[in-house]
Amino acid sequence: MRDYPEATSPFRVINVGGGVAQLVTSIKIRMKIILIAGTVAAVVLTGTTAKAQIVDNTTTWFSEHFQASESSGALFNPEEIALDLGLNWYSRDRGRNEGQFGFGFGGKYFFTREIGLSVDSNIGFNGHAFFDFLHASAIYRFPIEEYRIAPYAIAGTGCEFDPSTQLSGHFGGGVEFRFNAVTGIYGDVTYNLVHSASDYFLLRGGIRILF
């Protein structure tokens, strides 16, 4: 019997299964790489933008608060609300002769350009009571816009918490300097009379931020 060569079909059957699988795998890998690269780029860009924004905001804040204003407007105004943050020093650490430092903070409100009220406290660096005192004061200031300063007199009453709870009174004076209408620095001294403990001098200085 005569052998004839196997007929060849004009339509070749190509086994593309393996090629398609490899192509799909390659596409998936590339998509993952693109996704990872895009995520990293987005994070880096976001972080860089956030840092730039923080730096820009910080620079703007300091510029607005500590740059001397060229405006001809008033620096000391009625209806001012102010936050005081600073360092305090009192001449006697509640009966002991050595002085003591503390962190001072308080708030002020001025009804007019001259007349205001304040509430102040102090956290002493002495390991005793957390708050050393709470003072309420009346303030009368003398704004001198030309020199950006306002000398002031202060007097009031309060409560001492260290070493025990006692009533007290105080009077004194100080001066404030304004960089602009929203930020200033202050310094003052008061003499404090305590009901049944040693009297003491209180020196305060710090920054005043207005709202």
N, C-alpha and C. Protein backbone atom coordinates (compact mmCIF):
# COMPACT_ATOMS: atom_id res chain seq x y z
N MET A 1 0.86 -1.19 0.00
CA MET A 1 0.00 0.00 0.00
C MET A 1 0.88 1.22 0.00
N ARG A 2 0.52 2.15 -0.82
CA ARG A 2 1.35 3.33 -1.00
C ARG A 2 1.05 4.36 0.08
N ASP A 3 2.13 4.85 0.64
CA ASP A 3 1.95 5.88 1.68
C ASP A 3 1.92 7.26 1.04
N TYR A 4 0.96 8.04 1.47
CA TYR A 4 0.85 9.41 0.98
C TYR A 4 1.21 10.38 2.11
N PRO A 5 1.85 11.47 1.78
CA PRO A 5 2.21 12.45 2.84
C PRO A 5 0.95 13.02 3.49
N GLU A 6 1.09 13.30 4.78
CA GLU A 6 -0.05 13.82 5.53
C GLU A 6 -0.44 15.18 4.99
N ALA A 7 -1.71 15.32 4.79
CA ALA A 7 -2.20 16.58 4.23
C ALA A 7 -2.04 17.71 5.23
N THR A 8 -1.65 18.81 4.68
CA THR A 8 -1.46 20.00 5.53
C THR A 8 -2.64 20.91 5.39
N SER A 9 -3.25 21.26 6.54
CA SER A 9 -4.43 22.13 6.50
C SER A 9 -4.01 23.55 6.20
N PRO A 10 -4.78 24.25 5.40
CA PRO A 10 -4.45 25.66 5.12
C PRO A 10 -4.65 26.54 6.35
N PHE A 11 -5.37 26.02 7.32
CA PHE A 11 -5.61 26.79 8.54
C PHE A 11 -4.78 26.19 9.67
N ARG A 12 -3.67 26.84 9.99
CA ARG A 12 -2.77 26.33 11.02
C ARG A 12 -3.35 26.61 12.40
N VAL A 13 -3.34 25.61 13.23
CA VAL A 13 -3.83 25.77 14.60
C VAL A 13 -2.65 26.15 15.47
N ILE A 14 -2.71 27.33 15.99
CA ILE A 14 -1.58 27.84 16.79
C ILE A 14 -1.95 27.74 18.25
N ASN A 15 -1.08 27.15 19.01
CA ASN A 15 -1.30 27.02 20.45
C ASN A 15 -0.91 28.34 21.12
N VAL A 16 -1.92 29.17 21.30
CA VAL A 16 -1.65 30.50 21.85
C VAL A 16 -1.91 30.56 23.35
N GLY A 17 -2.32 29.45 23.93
CA GLY A 17 -2.66 29.47 25.36
C GLY A 17 -1.51 29.94 26.21
N GLY A 18 -0.32 29.35 26.00
CA GLY A 18 0.84 29.74 26.80
C GLY A 18 1.24 31.16 26.56
N GLY A 19 1.18 31.63 25.32
CA GLY A 19 1.56 33.01 25.01
C GLY A 19 0.63 34.02 25.65
N VAL A 20 -0.67 33.73 25.61
CA VAL A 20 -1.65 34.64 26.22
C VAL A 20 -1.43 34.72 27.73
N ALA A 21 -1.16 33.57 28.35
CA ALA A 21 -0.93 33.55 29.80
C ALA A 21 0.28 34.38 30.16
N GLN A 22 1.35 34.24 29.37
CA GLN A 22 2.55 35.02 29.63
C GLN A 22 2.29 36.51 29.44
N LEU A 23 1.50 36.85 28.41
CA LEU A 23 1.18 38.24 28.15
C LEU A 23 0.38 38.85 29.30
N VAL A 24 -0.61 38.09 29.77
CA VAL A 24 -1.45 38.57 30.88
C VAL A 24 -0.60 38.77 32.13
N THR A 25 0.29 37.81 32.40
CA THR A 25 1.17 37.92 33.57
C THR A 25 2.06 39.15 33.47
N SER A 26 2.60 39.37 32.26
CA SER A 26 3.46 40.53 32.05
C SER A 26 2.71 41.83 32.26
N ILE A 27 1.46 41.88 31.76
CA ILE A 27 0.64 43.09 31.92
C ILE A 27 0.35 43.34 33.40
N LYS A 28 0.03 42.27 34.14
CA LYS A 28 -0.26 42.41 35.56
C LYS A 28 0.95 42.95 36.31
N ILE A 29 2.13 42.40 35.98
CA ILE A 29 3.35 42.86 36.66
C ILE A 29 3.59 44.34 36.38
N ARG A 30 3.43 44.71 35.10
CA ARG A 30 3.65 46.11 34.74
C ARG A 30 2.63 47.03 35.42
N MET A 31 1.38 46.57 35.51
CA MET A 31 0.36 47.37 36.17
C MET A 31 0.68 47.55 37.65
N LYS A 32 1.19 46.48 38.30
CA LYS A 32 1.57 46.58 39.70
C LYS A 32 2.71 47.58 39.88
N ILE A 33 3.70 47.48 38.96
CA ILE A 33 4.83 48.40 39.03
C ILE A 33 4.36 49.84 38.88
N ILE A 34 3.46 50.05 37.88
CA ILE A 34 2.94 51.41 37.66
C ILE A 34 2.15 51.89 38.87
N LEU A 35 1.33 50.98 39.45
CA LEU A 35 0.53 51.34 40.61
C LEU A 35 1.41 51.69 41.80
N ILE A 36 2.44 50.86 42.04
CA ILE A 36 3.36 51.13 43.16
C ILE A 36 4.10 52.44 42.94
N ALA A 37 4.61 52.61 41.71
CA ALA A 37 5.35 53.83 41.40
C ALA A 37 4.45 55.06 41.53
N GLY A 38 3.20 54.92 41.06
CA GLY A 38 2.27 56.04 41.17
C GLY A 38 1.93 56.36 42.62
N THR A 39 1.75 55.31 43.42
CA THR A 39 1.45 55.52 44.84
C THR A 39 2.60 56.20 45.56
N VAL A 40 3.83 55.70 45.30
CA VAL A 40 5.01 56.30 45.91
C VAL A 40 5.15 57.75 45.48
N ALA A 41 4.95 58.00 44.18
CA ALA A 41 5.06 59.37 43.68
C ALA A 41 4.02 60.27 44.32
N ALA A 42 2.78 59.74 44.47
CA ALA A 42 1.71 60.53 45.09
C ALA A 42 2.03 60.85 46.54
N VAL A 43 2.55 59.83 47.26
CA VAL A 43 2.90 60.04 48.67
C VAL A 43 4.00 61.08 48.79
N VAL A 44 5.04 60.93 47.94
CA VAL A 44 6.15 61.87 47.99
C VAL A 44 5.68 63.28 47.64
N LEU A 45 4.85 63.36 46.59
CA LEU A 45 4.34 64.67 46.16
C LEU A 45 3.47 65.29 47.24
N THR A 46 2.59 64.44 47.83
CA THR A 46 1.72 64.95 48.90
C THR A 46 2.53 65.41 50.09
N GLY A 47 3.53 64.59 50.48
CA GLY A 47 4.38 64.97 51.60
C GLY A 47 5.14 66.24 51.34
N THR A 48 5.68 66.35 50.12
CA THR A 48 6.42 67.56 49.76
C THR A 48 5.51 68.78 49.77
N THR A 49 4.30 68.59 49.20
CA THR A 49 3.34 69.70 49.18
C THR A 49 2.92 70.09 50.59
N ALA A 50 2.68 69.05 51.44
CA ALA A 50 2.28 69.33 52.82
C ALA A 50 3.38 70.06 53.57
N LYS A 51 4.64 69.59 53.38
CA LYS A 51 5.75 70.26 54.04
C LYS A 51 5.88 71.70 53.56
N ALA A 52 5.75 71.88 52.24
CA ALA A 52 5.83 73.23 51.70
C ALA A 52 4.71 74.10 52.25
N GLN A 53 3.50 73.50 52.38
CA GLN A 53 2.36 74.24 52.91
C GLN A 53 2.60 74.62 54.37
N ILE A 54 3.14 73.66 55.16
CA ILE A 54 3.42 73.92 56.57
C ILE A 54 4.45 75.03 56.70
N VAL A 55 5.53 74.93 55.91
CA VAL A 55 6.57 75.95 55.95
C VAL A 55 5.99 77.30 55.54
N ASP A 56 5.18 77.28 54.48
CA ASP A 56 4.58 78.52 53.99
C ASP A 56 3.64 79.12 55.04
N ASN A 57 2.80 78.25 55.65
CA ASN A 57 1.88 78.73 56.68
C ASN A 57 2.63 79.27 57.89
N THR A 58 3.70 78.55 58.29
CA THR A 58 4.49 78.99 59.44
C THR A 58 5.15 80.33 59.16
N THR A 59 5.73 80.44 57.95
CA THR A 59 6.37 81.70 57.57
C THR A 59 5.37 82.83 57.55
N THR A 60 4.18 82.55 56.99
CA THR A 60 3.14 83.57 56.94
C THR A 60 2.70 83.98 58.33
N TRP A 61 2.53 82.97 59.23
CA TRP A 61 2.09 83.26 60.60
C TRP A 61 3.10 84.15 61.32
N PHE A 62 4.39 83.78 61.23
CA PHE A 62 5.41 84.58 61.90
C PHE A 62 5.50 85.97 61.28
N SER A 63 5.34 86.04 59.96
CA SER A 63 5.40 87.33 59.29
C SER A 63 4.26 88.23 59.74
N GLU A 64 3.06 87.63 59.85
CA GLU A 64 1.89 88.41 60.25
C GLU A 64 1.97 88.84 61.71
N HIS A 65 2.58 87.99 62.57
CA HIS A 65 2.54 88.26 64.00
C HIS A 65 3.75 89.01 64.53
N PHE A 66 4.91 88.87 63.89
CA PHE A 66 6.11 89.47 64.46
C PHE A 66 6.75 90.53 63.58
N GLN A 67 6.21 90.76 62.41
CA GLN A 67 6.73 91.82 61.57
C GLN A 67 6.07 93.13 61.96
N ALA A 68 6.87 94.16 62.12
CA ALA A 68 6.32 95.46 62.50
C ALA A 68 5.39 95.96 61.41
N SER A 69 4.19 96.34 61.83
CA SER A 69 3.19 96.81 60.88
C SER A 69 3.50 98.22 60.43
N GLU A 70 3.31 98.46 59.13
CA GLU A 70 3.51 99.80 58.59
C GLU A 70 2.19 100.56 58.51
N SER A 71 1.12 99.90 58.95
CA SER A 71 -0.19 100.51 58.87
C SER A 71 -0.30 101.68 59.84
N SER A 72 -1.09 102.67 59.43
CA SER A 72 -1.30 103.84 60.29
C SER A 72 -2.44 103.60 61.28
N GLY A 73 -3.04 102.40 61.25
CA GLY A 73 -4.14 102.09 62.15
C GLY A 73 -3.67 101.94 63.59
N ALA A 74 -4.62 101.94 64.51
CA ALA A 74 -4.30 101.85 65.93
C ALA A 74 -3.77 100.46 66.28
N LEU A 75 -2.76 100.43 67.13
CA LEU A 75 -2.21 99.17 67.61
C LEU A 75 -2.91 98.70 68.88
N PHE A 76 -3.44 99.63 69.65
CA PHE A 76 -4.15 99.31 70.89
C PHE A 76 -5.61 99.71 70.70
N ASN A 77 -6.49 98.74 70.81
CA ASN A 77 -7.88 98.97 70.46
C ASN A 77 -8.84 98.51 71.55
N PRO A 78 -10.06 99.04 71.54
CA PRO A 78 -11.07 98.52 72.46
C PRO A 78 -11.53 97.14 72.04
N GLU A 79 -12.14 96.42 72.96
CA GLU A 79 -12.67 95.07 72.73
C GLU A 79 -11.58 94.08 72.32
N GLU A 80 -10.39 94.27 72.85
CA GLU A 80 -9.29 93.34 72.59
C GLU A 80 -9.41 92.11 73.48
N ILE A 81 -9.16 90.95 72.90
CA ILE A 81 -9.03 89.70 73.65
C ILE A 81 -7.61 89.22 73.45
N ALA A 82 -6.90 88.97 74.55
CA ALA A 82 -5.48 88.62 74.43
C ALA A 82 -5.15 87.39 75.26
N LEU A 83 -4.19 86.63 74.76
CA LEU A 83 -3.64 85.47 75.46
C LEU A 83 -2.19 85.78 75.82
N ASP A 84 -1.84 85.62 77.10
CA ASP A 84 -0.47 85.84 77.57
C ASP A 84 0.21 84.51 77.85
N LEU A 85 1.43 84.36 77.36
CA LEU A 85 2.26 83.19 77.63
C LEU A 85 3.66 83.68 77.94
N GLY A 86 4.22 83.24 79.07
CA GLY A 86 5.54 83.75 79.39
C GLY A 86 6.20 83.05 80.57
N LEU A 87 7.24 83.69 81.07
CA LEU A 87 8.03 83.16 82.18
C LEU A 87 7.85 84.08 83.38
N ASN A 88 7.58 83.49 84.54
CA ASN A 88 7.40 84.24 85.77
C ASN A 88 8.54 83.94 86.74
N TRP A 89 8.81 84.91 87.60
CA TRP A 89 9.76 84.70 88.70
C TRP A 89 9.21 85.40 89.93
N TYR A 90 9.09 84.66 91.04
CA TYR A 90 8.66 85.29 92.27
C TYR A 90 9.76 85.18 93.31
N SER A 91 9.84 86.22 94.15
CA SER A 91 11.01 86.41 95.01
C SER A 91 11.11 85.39 96.14
N ARG A 92 9.99 84.81 96.55
CA ARG A 92 10.02 83.80 97.61
C ARG A 92 9.22 82.59 97.17
N ASP A 93 9.79 81.42 97.34
CA ASP A 93 9.08 80.20 96.98
C ASP A 93 8.18 79.78 98.14
N ARG A 94 7.13 80.58 98.33
CA ARG A 94 6.12 80.30 99.34
C ARG A 94 6.72 80.07 100.73
N GLY A 95 7.41 81.11 101.22
CA GLY A 95 7.94 81.04 102.57
C GLY A 95 9.44 80.84 102.62
N ARG A 96 10.02 80.28 101.55
CA ARG A 96 11.47 80.12 101.52
C ARG A 96 12.09 81.36 100.90
N ASN A 97 13.33 81.64 101.23
CA ASN A 97 13.96 82.88 100.81
C ASN A 97 14.38 82.88 99.34
N GLU A 98 14.67 81.70 98.78
CA GLU A 98 15.14 81.68 97.40
C GLU A 98 13.99 81.92 96.43
N GLY A 99 14.33 82.53 95.29
CA GLY A 99 13.32 82.80 94.27
C GLY A 99 12.94 81.53 93.52
N GLN A 100 11.89 81.65 92.72
CA GLN A 100 11.39 80.48 92.00
C GLN A 100 10.84 80.91 90.65
N PHE A 101 11.16 80.14 89.60
CA PHE A 101 10.63 80.40 88.27
C PHE A 101 9.36 79.57 88.04
N GLY A 102 8.58 80.02 87.06
CA GLY A 102 7.37 79.29 86.70
C GLY A 102 6.90 79.69 85.31
N PHE A 103 5.98 78.91 84.78
CA PHE A 103 5.37 79.20 83.48
C PHE A 103 4.08 79.97 83.71
N GLY A 104 4.01 81.18 83.17
CA GLY A 104 2.84 82.02 83.38
C GLY A 104 1.94 82.04 82.16
N PHE A 105 0.65 82.11 82.40
CA PHE A 105 -0.32 82.20 81.32
C PHE A 105 -1.57 82.90 81.82
N GLY A 106 -2.32 83.48 80.90
CA GLY A 106 -3.53 84.18 81.31
C GLY A 106 -4.24 84.79 80.13
N GLY A 107 -5.38 85.40 80.42
CA GLY A 107 -6.18 86.04 79.39
C GLY A 107 -6.58 87.44 79.80
N LYS A 108 -6.78 88.31 78.80
CA LYS A 108 -7.14 89.70 79.06
C LYS A 108 -8.25 90.13 78.11
N TYR A 109 -9.06 91.05 78.62
CA TYR A 109 -10.08 91.67 77.77
C TYR A 109 -10.11 93.16 78.08
N PHE A 110 -10.00 93.99 77.02
CA PHE A 110 -10.03 95.43 77.17
C PHE A 110 -11.37 95.97 76.66
N PHE A 111 -12.09 96.61 77.57
CA PHE A 111 -13.37 97.21 77.21
C PHE A 111 -13.16 98.45 76.35
N THR A 112 -12.13 99.22 76.70
CA THR A 112 -11.75 100.41 75.94
C THR A 112 -10.26 100.30 75.62
N ARG A 113 -9.69 101.32 75.00
CA ARG A 113 -8.25 101.30 74.74
C ARG A 113 -7.45 101.32 76.03
N GLU A 114 -8.05 101.83 77.10
CA GLU A 114 -7.32 102.01 78.35
C GLU A 114 -7.68 101.01 79.45
N ILE A 115 -8.93 100.59 79.53
CA ILE A 115 -9.41 99.82 80.68
C ILE A 115 -9.65 98.36 80.31
N GLY A 116 -9.11 97.46 81.14
CA GLY A 116 -9.29 96.04 80.88
C GLY A 116 -9.26 95.21 82.15
N LEU A 117 -9.58 93.94 82.00
CA LEU A 117 -9.54 92.96 83.09
C LEU A 117 -8.67 91.78 82.66
N SER A 118 -8.07 91.12 83.63
CA SER A 118 -7.23 89.96 83.31
C SER A 118 -7.39 88.87 84.36
N VAL A 119 -7.13 87.65 83.94
CA VAL A 119 -7.07 86.48 84.83
C VAL A 119 -5.76 85.76 84.51
N ASP A 120 -4.94 85.53 85.53
CA ASP A 120 -3.62 84.95 85.31
C ASP A 120 -3.34 83.84 86.31
N SER A 121 -2.46 82.91 85.90
CA SER A 121 -2.04 81.84 86.79
C SER A 121 -0.58 81.51 86.51
N ASN A 122 -0.06 80.56 87.27
CA ASN A 122 1.35 80.21 87.17
C ASN A 122 1.54 78.73 87.52
N ILE A 123 2.39 78.07 86.76
CA ILE A 123 2.79 76.69 87.07
C ILE A 123 4.25 76.74 87.51
N GLY A 124 4.49 76.59 88.81
CA GLY A 124 5.83 76.72 89.34
C GLY A 124 6.71 75.53 89.04
N PHE A 125 8.00 75.80 88.84
CA PHE A 125 8.97 74.72 88.60
C PHE A 125 9.51 74.24 89.95
N ASN A 126 8.60 73.78 90.82
CA ASN A 126 9.02 73.43 92.17
C ASN A 126 8.46 72.11 92.67
N GLY A 127 7.63 71.44 91.89
CA GLY A 127 7.10 70.15 92.31
C GLY A 127 6.02 70.23 93.36
N HIS A 128 5.51 71.44 93.64
CA HIS A 128 4.45 71.58 94.64
C HIS A 128 3.09 71.55 93.95
N ALA A 129 2.18 72.43 94.37
CA ALA A 129 0.86 72.48 93.74
C ALA A 129 1.01 72.76 92.25
N PHE A 130 0.12 72.15 91.45
CA PHE A 130 0.24 72.31 90.00
C PHE A 130 0.08 73.78 89.61
N PHE A 131 -0.97 74.43 90.12
CA PHE A 131 -1.16 75.86 89.90
C PHE A 131 -0.80 76.59 91.19
N ASP A 132 0.08 77.57 91.10
CA ASP A 132 0.51 78.29 92.30
C ASP A 132 -0.55 79.29 92.77
N PHE A 133 -1.23 79.92 91.82
CA PHE A 133 -2.22 80.93 92.19
C PHE A 133 -3.18 81.18 91.05
N LEU A 134 -4.23 81.93 91.36
CA LEU A 134 -5.16 82.44 90.36
C LEU A 134 -5.44 83.89 90.72
N HIS A 135 -5.03 84.81 89.84
CA HIS A 135 -5.16 86.24 90.11
C HIS A 135 -6.13 86.88 89.12
N ALA A 136 -6.97 87.75 89.63
CA ALA A 136 -7.85 88.57 88.80
C ALA A 136 -7.46 90.03 89.01
N SER A 137 -7.32 90.77 87.90
CA SER A 137 -6.79 92.13 88.00
C SER A 137 -7.56 93.10 87.12
N ALA A 138 -7.53 94.35 87.56
CA ALA A 138 -8.00 95.47 86.74
C ALA A 138 -6.76 96.16 86.18
N ILE A 139 -6.85 96.58 84.92
CA ILE A 139 -5.69 97.17 84.25
C ILE A 139 -6.08 98.54 83.69
N TYR A 140 -5.19 99.48 83.86
CA TYR A 140 -5.34 100.77 83.19
C TYR A 140 -4.05 101.05 82.44
N ARG A 141 -4.15 101.17 81.12
CA ARG A 141 -2.95 101.37 80.31
C ARG A 141 -2.97 102.74 79.64
N PHE A 142 -1.78 103.15 79.20
CA PHE A 142 -1.60 104.46 78.58
C PHE A 142 -0.96 104.26 77.20
N PRO A 143 -1.76 103.97 76.17
CA PRO A 143 -1.18 103.69 74.85
C PRO A 143 -0.45 104.89 74.27
N ILE A 144 0.76 104.63 73.76
CA ILE A 144 1.53 105.64 73.04
C ILE A 144 1.81 105.05 71.66
N GLU A 145 0.91 105.29 70.74
CA GLU A 145 0.96 104.66 69.42
C GLU A 145 2.26 104.96 68.69
N GLU A 146 2.77 106.16 68.85
CA GLU A 146 3.96 106.58 68.12
C GLU A 146 5.15 105.67 68.40
N TYR A 147 5.25 105.19 69.64
CA TYR A 147 6.37 104.34 70.04
C TYR A 147 5.98 102.87 70.20
N ARG A 148 4.74 102.55 69.86
CA ARG A 148 4.24 101.17 69.92
C ARG A 148 4.21 100.60 71.33
N ILE A 149 4.15 101.43 72.33
CA ILE A 149 4.18 100.94 73.70
C ILE A 149 2.95 101.40 74.46
N ALA A 150 2.69 100.71 75.56
CA ALA A 150 1.59 101.08 76.44
C ALA A 150 1.98 100.73 77.88
N PRO A 151 2.48 101.70 78.64
CA PRO A 151 2.69 101.47 80.07
C PRO A 151 1.33 101.22 80.73
N TYR A 152 1.32 100.40 81.78
CA TYR A 152 0.04 100.13 82.44
C TYR A 152 0.22 99.91 83.93
N ALA A 153 -0.86 100.21 84.65
CA ALA A 153 -0.93 99.93 86.09
C ALA A 153 -1.87 98.76 86.29
N ILE A 154 -1.59 97.96 87.31
CA ILE A 154 -2.38 96.75 87.54
C ILE A 154 -2.61 96.56 89.03
N ALA A 155 -3.81 96.15 89.39
CA ALA A 155 -4.14 95.88 90.80
C ALA A 155 -5.28 94.88 90.84
N GLY A 156 -5.27 94.04 91.88
CA GLY A 156 -6.35 93.06 91.95
C GLY A 156 -6.24 92.16 93.16
N THR A 157 -6.97 91.08 93.10
CA THR A 157 -7.00 90.11 94.19
C THR A 157 -6.86 88.72 93.61
N GLY A 158 -6.70 87.74 94.49
CA GLY A 158 -6.54 86.39 93.99
C GLY A 158 -6.53 85.36 95.09
N CYS A 159 -6.18 84.15 94.69
CA CYS A 159 -6.12 83.03 95.62
C CYS A 159 -4.80 82.29 95.41
N GLU A 160 -4.08 82.08 96.50
CA GLU A 160 -2.82 81.33 96.46
C GLU A 160 -3.10 79.87 96.81
N PHE A 161 -2.47 78.95 96.09
CA PHE A 161 -2.70 77.52 96.32
C PHE A 161 -1.50 76.80 96.92
N ASP A 162 -0.37 77.49 97.05
CA ASP A 162 0.84 76.85 97.54
C ASP A 162 1.49 77.74 98.59
N PRO A 163 1.73 77.30 99.81
CA PRO A 163 1.60 75.92 100.29
C PRO A 163 0.18 75.56 100.72
N SER A 164 -0.69 76.56 100.88
CA SER A 164 -2.08 76.30 101.26
C SER A 164 -2.96 77.35 100.60
N THR A 165 -4.25 77.11 100.59
CA THR A 165 -5.18 78.04 99.94
C THR A 165 -5.38 79.27 100.81
N GLN A 166 -5.02 80.44 100.25
CA GLN A 166 -5.12 81.70 100.98
C GLN A 166 -5.48 82.82 100.03
N LEU A 167 -6.14 83.83 100.57
CA LEU A 167 -6.46 85.02 99.78
C LEU A 167 -5.23 85.92 99.68
N SER A 168 -5.19 86.68 98.59
CA SER A 168 -4.06 87.59 98.40
C SER A 168 -4.52 88.82 97.62
N GLY A 169 -3.70 89.84 97.65
CA GLY A 169 -3.93 91.04 96.85
C GLY A 169 -2.62 91.45 96.20
N HIS A 170 -2.69 92.24 95.13
CA HIS A 170 -1.47 92.62 94.43
C HIS A 170 -1.65 93.96 93.73
N PHE A 171 -0.53 94.63 93.49
CA PHE A 171 -0.54 95.88 92.73
C PHE A 171 0.84 96.04 92.09
N GLY A 172 0.88 96.77 91.00
CA GLY A 172 2.15 96.97 90.32
C GLY A 172 1.95 97.64 88.98
N GLY A 173 2.90 97.44 88.09
CA GLY A 173 2.84 98.07 86.78
C GLY A 173 3.78 97.41 85.80
N GLY A 174 3.63 97.78 84.54
CA GLY A 174 4.48 97.21 83.50
C GLY A 174 4.35 97.97 82.21
N VAL A 175 4.85 97.37 81.15
CA VAL A 175 4.80 98.00 79.83
C VAL A 175 4.66 96.92 78.77
N GLU A 176 3.94 97.24 77.71
CA GLU A 176 3.76 96.33 76.58
C GLU A 176 4.27 96.99 75.32
N PHE A 177 4.91 96.20 74.46
CA PHE A 177 5.36 96.67 73.14
C PHE A 177 4.62 95.88 72.08
N ARG A 178 4.08 96.56 71.08
CA ARG A 178 3.34 95.90 70.01
C ARG A 178 4.14 95.87 68.71
N PHE A 179 4.31 94.66 68.17
CA PHE A 179 4.88 94.53 66.83
C PHE A 179 3.87 95.01 65.80
N ASN A 180 2.62 94.65 66.04
CA ASN A 180 1.51 95.02 65.16
C ASN A 180 0.23 94.90 65.99
N ALA A 181 -0.91 94.90 65.33
CA ALA A 181 -2.18 94.91 66.06
C ALA A 181 -2.55 93.55 66.63
N VAL A 182 -1.77 92.50 66.35
CA VAL A 182 -2.14 91.16 66.82
C VAL A 182 -1.09 90.51 67.71
N THR A 183 0.08 91.10 67.85
CA THR A 183 1.14 90.49 68.65
C THR A 183 1.96 91.54 69.38
N GLY A 184 2.29 91.23 70.63
CA GLY A 184 3.15 92.11 71.40
C GLY A 184 3.93 91.32 72.43
N ILE A 185 4.80 92.00 73.14
CA ILE A 185 5.52 91.42 74.27
C ILE A 185 5.28 92.31 75.48
N TYR A 186 5.34 91.72 76.66
CA TYR A 186 5.03 92.48 77.86
C TYR A 186 6.01 92.13 78.98
N GLY A 187 6.08 93.02 79.95
CA GLY A 187 6.86 92.78 81.15
C GLY A 187 6.29 93.62 82.28
N ASP A 188 6.13 93.02 83.45
CA ASP A 188 5.60 93.79 84.57
C ASP A 188 6.08 93.20 85.90
N VAL A 189 5.85 93.95 86.96
CA VAL A 189 6.21 93.51 88.30
C VAL A 189 5.08 93.90 89.24
N THR A 190 4.72 92.99 90.14
CA THR A 190 3.68 93.27 91.13
C THR A 190 4.19 92.86 92.51
N TYR A 191 3.65 93.55 93.50
CA TYR A 191 3.91 93.16 94.89
C TYR A 191 2.67 92.46 95.40
N ASN A 192 2.85 91.25 95.94
CA ASN A 192 1.73 90.41 96.34
C ASN A 192 1.67 90.26 97.86
N LEU A 193 0.53 90.63 98.42
CA LEU A 193 0.32 90.54 99.86
C LEU A 193 -0.54 89.31 100.14
N VAL A 194 0.02 88.36 100.87
CA VAL A 194 -0.67 87.11 101.16
C VAL A 194 -1.20 87.15 102.59
N HIS A 195 -2.39 86.60 102.78
CA HIS A 195 -3.09 86.72 104.06
C HIS A 195 -2.27 86.20 105.24
N SER A 196 -1.76 84.98 105.16
CA SER A 196 -1.04 84.42 106.31
C SER A 196 0.24 83.71 105.87
N ALA A 197 0.92 84.29 104.90
CA ALA A 197 2.21 83.75 104.45
C ALA A 197 3.07 84.93 104.02
N SER A 198 4.29 84.64 103.60
CA SER A 198 5.22 85.70 103.22
C SER A 198 4.75 86.41 101.95
N ASP A 199 4.82 87.74 101.97
CA ASP A 199 4.55 88.50 100.76
C ASP A 199 5.70 88.26 99.77
N TYR A 200 5.44 88.56 98.50
CA TYR A 200 6.49 88.33 97.51
C TYR A 200 6.30 89.24 96.30
N PHE A 201 7.40 89.47 95.60
CA PHE A 201 7.37 90.17 94.33
C PHE A 201 7.20 89.14 93.21
N LEU A 202 6.43 89.52 92.20
CA LEU A 202 6.23 88.65 91.04
C LEU A 202 6.64 89.41 89.79
N LEU A 203 7.65 88.89 89.08
CA LEU A 203 8.09 89.47 87.82
C LEU A 203 7.61 88.58 86.68
N ARG A 204 7.01 89.20 85.67
CA ARG A 204 6.47 88.44 84.55
C ARG A 204 6.95 89.04 83.22
N GLY A 205 7.13 88.18 82.25
CA GLY A 205 7.48 88.63 80.91
C GLY A 205 7.11 87.57 79.89
N GLY A 206 6.69 88.00 78.70
CA GLY A 206 6.32 87.01 77.70
C GLY A 206 5.71 87.63 76.47
N ILE A 207 4.98 86.79 75.74
CA ILE A 207 4.36 87.20 74.49
C ILE A 207 2.86 87.36 74.69
N ARG A 208 2.29 88.33 74.00
CA ARG A 208 0.85 88.58 74.07
C ARG A 208 0.27 88.46 72.66
N ILE A 209 -0.68 87.53 72.49
CA ILE A 209 -1.30 87.28 71.20
C ILE A 209 -2.76 87.72 71.27
N LEU A 210 -3.17 88.53 70.31
CA LEU A 210 -4.53 89.09 70.32
C LEU A 210 -5.42 88.41 69.30
N PHE A 211 -6.70 88.37 69.62
CA PHE A 211 -7.69 87.71 68.76
C PHE A 211 -8.77 88.70 68.35
